[in-house]
Amino acid sequence: MEAAPAPWLVIVNPAAGAGRGAGRWPALAALLQRQGVAFEAVLTQAAGHAAEVAARAAREGRAVVVAAGGDGTISEVVNGLLSAQVAARSLPALGVLPLGTAQDFARSLGLPLAPEAAVASLVRARPAPIDVGRIRLADGAVRYFVTYAGTGFDALVVARAQAWAPRWRGAWPYIIGFFHVLRGYANRRFSVWLDGKLLVSRRRINMVIVANGGNYAGLLRIAPSASMRDGWLDVVVVGDVGRLEFLVSLPLALIGRHLAHPKVAAFRAQHVMVAARERLPIQRDGEVAGRLPASFDVLPGALPVLLPATESAG
């Protein structure tokens, strides 16, 4: 007689969605039970806890690990899964219950954004591989990202937002951080290489985005052609734009029209290197990941994700 499959592990961030995660989880747990899903739940206690739990689940051979939270929770879970030593078996499939604010990962994959609809979708979903981005830092550390990474203006906003996060919840730290950084920001000189070829050398640039998925900061289509299943990274370079020019042009990114701006350029690559005179921060999926210099590459099909049947067949 075959042993029953191990129950799903659901990693819940109670602070997700401006602190609403804890209040929404009991109803979602009841929905999973009514759907006949066998699961265990762990509520995260602090930053990094989700990664630890996910790594342990991978080593235990769990079939499914569900991230119930926002993009930061998903990124932590993915980093935990990929950092685990599971050479002898496949990784658990990642499921998503969106409880956060921006939900860039779910939007990029076309997953349901309403948690209740996400439960129904998960029950019928099938695992399908997606690409994952990898960051290699100068000190040898490795970080992974699922939707995007970046440096320059956006990473400084993320760094500021994280410093203020204990005081404000949800999107407010990022909104306030955006205007705080914009007020005194001066474009830095970057050097960028794509697939081993020098793209720019010590040129003034506002920011460099390395995208695995198309969505960014909730509503923006920063890399409208990006796909998590094509084995490529989309690289968006915002050049030497002034503060007012940047602010006026930003709404174009809501529909992906910013790429027509003469100081914005888009490329595709499998390996990206970025350096600057300063050790500027790097952000991945809305969290600080380290500092320049760094290299970014793509791991094609590295992560199984529970997708709706029509998507998993694509």
Foldseek 3Di string as FASTA:
>chain_A
DDDDADAEEEEWECPAAVRCRVVPVVVLVVLLVVLVGGYDYDYDDDPLRLLQVLLVCFVVPHQEYEYEHALSSVQSNVQSQVVHPNVVDATHAYAYQYRHAQRQLCVLLVADNHRSSSSVQLSQFDWAFFKKKWKAAPVGDIGIFQFKKKFALQQQLLVQLVVCPVPGGHCVSSVVSNVVCLVDPAFFFKWKDFPRHTDDGRFGFRMKMWGQGQDDRRQFRQPVPHHRADQKIKIKTQHRDHSVRCVVLVVCRSVDNSCVDPRMHIDIHFKMWMAGPDQTFMDHSSHTDGTDGMMMGMDHRRHIYTGGPVSRVD
